[in-house]
Amino acid sequence: MSVMRVIADADKVKSLSDELCRSIAQGLSPKSGQPWALVGLRSRGDLLAQRLAKTLKPEHVGSIDITLYRDDLSEIGSQPLVRTTEIDFAIDGLNVVLVDDVLMTGRSIRAAMQSLIDLGRPRRVWLAVLVDRGGRELPISPDFAALDLTGKSRRNAVGEDELVEVYLEPADPCDAIVVRNRTEQGNAIP
């Protein structure tokens, strides 16, 4: 029996993306006039960053691959898929908004910050996520989050045995956010 639940369809994902745009715009407004960039984590954060950039119009948009910076590299397979980092601008002195789809343990964000700092010394780094799922293992919190599933609200609570998966076009057939049991097989998109 499937225990997958859809918590956001395509319309809701759009609404959440719009809300994230507004939060970032408000949060960065005092910094107006200073150059800034959106940098998305591969493989869904980069898609989200591209969407946000259409509205926010940052000076720069890039993507970062954290595969070789992960602390669980040995656990993800003998030949992990390493993708490109596409940052064709100087990081030094730049305000950067890191963008990811789901924040859980904080380990991916730690890896992204290390990768980013290897490219230069940003003036400041903010974190924007579509979904804050809770379950931190590191002291990392988002500056901007569109959907809070940390358990502060019983209605949105996600159990430790559940996964939050974000699907975004064009990588996926549709936009959606689903919650499923960790033991459930497959990656069927609703």
Protein backbone atom coordinates (compact mmCIF):
# COMPACT_ATOMS: atom_id res chain seq x y z
CA MET A 1 0.00 0.00 0.00
CA SER A 2 1.41 3.37 -1.04
CA VAL A 3 1.69 6.04 1.62
CA MET A 4 2.85 8.77 -0.75
CA ARG A 5 1.08 12.06 -0.32
CA VAL A 6 1.19 15.02 -2.63
CA ILE A 7 1.63 18.17 -0.59
CA ALA A 8 2.01 20.52 -3.55
CA ASP A 9 0.83 20.19 -7.14
CA ALA A 10 2.14 22.35 -10.00
CA ASP A 11 -0.01 25.35 -9.05
CA LYS A 12 1.10 25.19 -5.42
CA VAL A 13 4.77 24.82 -6.43
CA LYS A 14 4.38 27.99 -8.53
CA SER A 15 2.77 29.77 -5.61
CA LEU A 16 5.58 28.66 -3.29
CA SER A 17 8.22 29.79 -5.82
CA ASP A 18 6.53 33.19 -6.06
CA GLU A 19 6.48 33.44 -2.26
CA LEU A 20 10.18 32.57 -2.13
CA CYS A 21 10.86 35.33 -4.69
CA ARG A 22 9.01 37.89 -2.56
CA SER A 23 10.89 36.84 0.58
CA ILE A 24 14.27 37.08 -1.13
CA ALA A 25 13.41 40.47 -2.67
CA GLN A 26 12.35 41.84 0.71
CA GLY A 27 15.35 40.35 2.48
CA LEU A 28 17.82 41.77 -0.01
CA SER A 29 16.20 45.19 -0.50
CA PRO A 30 18.46 46.95 2.05
CA LYS A 31 21.42 45.63 0.05
CA SER A 32 20.20 47.26 -3.17
CA GLY A 33 22.96 48.56 -5.32
CA GLN A 34 25.36 45.81 -4.25
CA PRO A 35 26.04 43.06 -6.81
CA TRP A 36 24.55 39.69 -5.99
CA ALA A 37 24.07 36.22 -7.44
CA LEU A 38 21.73 33.27 -7.23
CA VAL A 39 23.66 29.98 -7.10
CA GLY A 40 21.60 26.79 -7.23
CA LEU A 41 22.70 23.38 -6.00
CA ARG A 42 22.50 20.67 -8.63
CA SER A 43 20.14 19.01 -9.41
CA ARG A 44 16.92 20.78 -8.42
CA GLY A 45 18.26 23.89 -6.70
CA ASP A 46 19.77 25.05 -9.97
CA LEU A 47 16.40 24.74 -11.72
CA LEU A 48 14.76 26.67 -8.91
CA ALA A 49 17.46 29.37 -9.08
CA GLN A 50 16.83 29.80 -12.81
CA ARG A 51 13.10 30.25 -12.14
CA LEU A 52 13.71 32.76 -9.37
CA ALA A 53 16.15 34.70 -11.55
CA LYS A 54 13.42 35.43 -14.11
CA THR A 55 11.66 37.55 -11.48
CA LEU A 56 14.50 38.71 -9.24
CA LYS A 57 16.92 39.68 -12.03
CA PRO A 58 20.22 39.21 -10.15
CA GLU A 59 23.48 40.29 -11.73
CA HIS A 60 24.62 36.67 -11.89
CA VAL A 61 23.09 33.18 -11.89
CA GLY A 62 25.12 30.01 -11.49
CA SER A 63 24.97 26.41 -10.43
CA ILE A 64 27.20 24.39 -8.19
CA ASP A 65 27.83 20.65 -8.01
CA ILE A 66 28.66 19.43 -4.51
CA THR A 67 29.30 15.76 -5.29
CA LEU A 68 33.01 15.79 -4.47
CA TYR A 69 32.42 17.87 -1.32
CA ARG A 70 29.90 15.48 0.23
CA ASP A 71 30.83 13.81 3.50
CA ASP A 72 28.99 10.65 2.41
CA LEU A 73 30.71 10.27 -0.95
CA SER A 74 31.71 6.69 -0.23
CA GLU A 75 28.08 5.80 0.54
CA ILE A 76 26.52 7.09 -2.68
CA GLY A 77 28.14 4.59 -5.00
CA SER A 78 31.43 3.51 -6.47
CA GLN A 79 31.15 5.96 -9.35
CA PRO A 80 29.11 8.98 -8.26
CA LEU A 81 27.75 11.24 -10.99
CA VAL A 82 29.81 14.43 -11.00
CA ARG A 83 28.20 17.31 -12.87
CA THR A 84 29.65 20.68 -13.76
CA THR A 85 29.76 23.77 -11.63
CA GLU A 86 28.78 26.72 -13.78
CA ILE A 87 29.94 29.91 -12.14
CA ASP A 88 31.47 32.18 -14.75
CA PHE A 89 31.71 35.23 -12.49
CA ALA A 90 33.96 36.26 -9.61
CA ILE A 91 32.69 35.24 -6.17
CA ASP A 92 34.99 37.61 -4.24
CA GLY A 93 33.00 40.38 -2.56
CA LEU A 94 29.70 39.19 -4.04
CA ASN A 95 26.47 38.70 -2.11
CA VAL A 96 25.32 35.15 -2.86
CA VAL A 97 21.99 33.47 -2.33
CA LEU A 98 22.44 29.68 -2.32
CA VAL A 99 19.28 27.99 -3.58
CA ASP A 100 18.21 24.41 -2.89
CA ASP A 101 14.97 22.51 -3.20
CA VAL A 102 14.85 20.77 0.21
CA LEU A 103 16.79 21.45 3.40
CA MET A 104 17.03 18.53 5.80
CA THR A 105 20.28 17.63 7.59
CA GLY A 106 22.26 20.68 6.42
CA ARG A 107 25.07 18.54 5.04
CA SER A 108 24.43 19.49 1.39
CA ILE A 109 24.52 23.17 2.32
CA ARG A 110 27.79 22.68 4.24
CA ALA A 111 29.24 21.06 1.12
CA ALA A 112 27.91 23.88 -1.08
CA MET A 113 29.45 26.55 1.13
CA GLN A 114 32.81 24.77 1.06
CA SER A 115 32.65 24.49 -2.72
CA LEU A 116 31.65 28.15 -3.05
CA ILE A 117 34.45 29.33 -0.78
CA ASP A 118 36.95 27.34 -2.83
CA LEU A 119 35.97 29.63 -5.71
CA GLY A 120 36.41 32.87 -3.77
CA ARG A 121 35.38 34.85 -0.71
CA PRO A 122 31.79 36.08 -0.97
CA ARG A 123 30.75 39.17 0.97
CA ARG A 124 27.75 37.33 2.43
CA VAL A 125 25.87 34.09 1.79
CA TRP A 126 22.13 33.60 2.33
CA LEU A 127 20.24 30.32 2.02
CA ALA A 128 16.90 30.04 0.19
CA VAL A 129 14.99 26.75 0.04
CA LEU A 130 11.65 25.75 -1.37
CA VAL A 131 11.05 23.29 1.49
CA ASP A 132 12.47 23.28 5.02
CA ARG A 133 11.91 19.67 5.98
CA GLY A 134 13.57 19.69 9.41
CA GLY A 135 15.90 17.00 10.73
CA ARG A 136 19.10 19.04 11.07
CA GLU A 137 22.38 17.36 11.87
CA LEU A 138 24.36 20.58 11.45
CA PRO A 139 23.56 24.09 12.76
CA ILE A 140 22.30 25.43 9.43
CA SER A 141 19.01 27.28 8.95
CA PRO A 142 17.47 28.88 5.88
CA ASP A 143 17.20 32.65 5.57
CA PHE A 144 14.28 32.15 3.20
CA ALA A 145 11.95 29.12 3.07
CA ALA A 146 8.65 28.87 1.21
CA LEU A 147 7.26 25.74 2.89
CA ASP A 148 7.94 24.77 6.51
CA LEU A 149 7.61 21.03 7.22
CA THR A 150 9.74 21.08 10.38
CA GLY A 151 6.90 19.92 12.59
CA LYS A 152 6.11 23.30 14.11
CA SER A 153 2.67 22.76 12.63
CA ARG A 154 1.17 19.29 13.11
CA ARG A 155 -0.61 19.61 9.76
CA ASN A 156 2.71 19.88 7.93
CA ALA A 157 4.79 17.55 10.11
CA VAL A 158 7.01 15.04 8.32
CA GLY A 159 8.20 11.93 10.15
CA GLU A 160 11.81 10.78 10.40
CA ASP A 161 10.92 7.74 8.28
CA GLU A 162 9.62 9.92 5.44
CA LEU A 163 11.32 11.57 2.46
CA VAL A 164 10.36 14.89 0.90
CA GLU A 165 10.87 14.89 -2.86
CA VAL A 166 10.64 17.94 -5.11
CA TYR A 167 9.96 17.47 -8.81
CA LEU A 168 10.63 20.36 -11.20
CA GLU A 169 10.26 20.68 -14.93
CA PRO A 170 12.18 20.24 -17.21
CA ALA A 171 14.07 17.56 -15.24
CA ASP A 172 10.76 15.94 -14.31
CA PRO A 173 7.46 15.53 -16.18
CA CYS A 174 5.68 17.91 -13.78
CA ASP A 175 6.18 20.16 -10.78
CA ALA A 176 5.21 18.60 -7.45
CA ILE A 177 6.27 18.10 -3.86
CA VAL A 178 5.56 14.69 -2.37
CA VAL A 179 6.18 12.94 0.91
CA ARG A 180 6.73 9.19 0.92
CA ASN A 181 8.04 6.49 3.25
CA ARG A 182 11.77 5.83 2.96
CA THR A 183 11.00 2.15 2.37
CA GLU A 184 8.63 2.82 -0.53
CA GLN A 185 10.09 1.64 -3.83
CA GLY A 186 10.32 3.66 -6.99
CA ASN A 187 10.35 7.27 -7.97
CA ALA A 188 6.88 7.47 -9.48
CA ILE A 189 5.81 11.05 -9.96
CA PRO A 190 2.17 11.69 -9.15
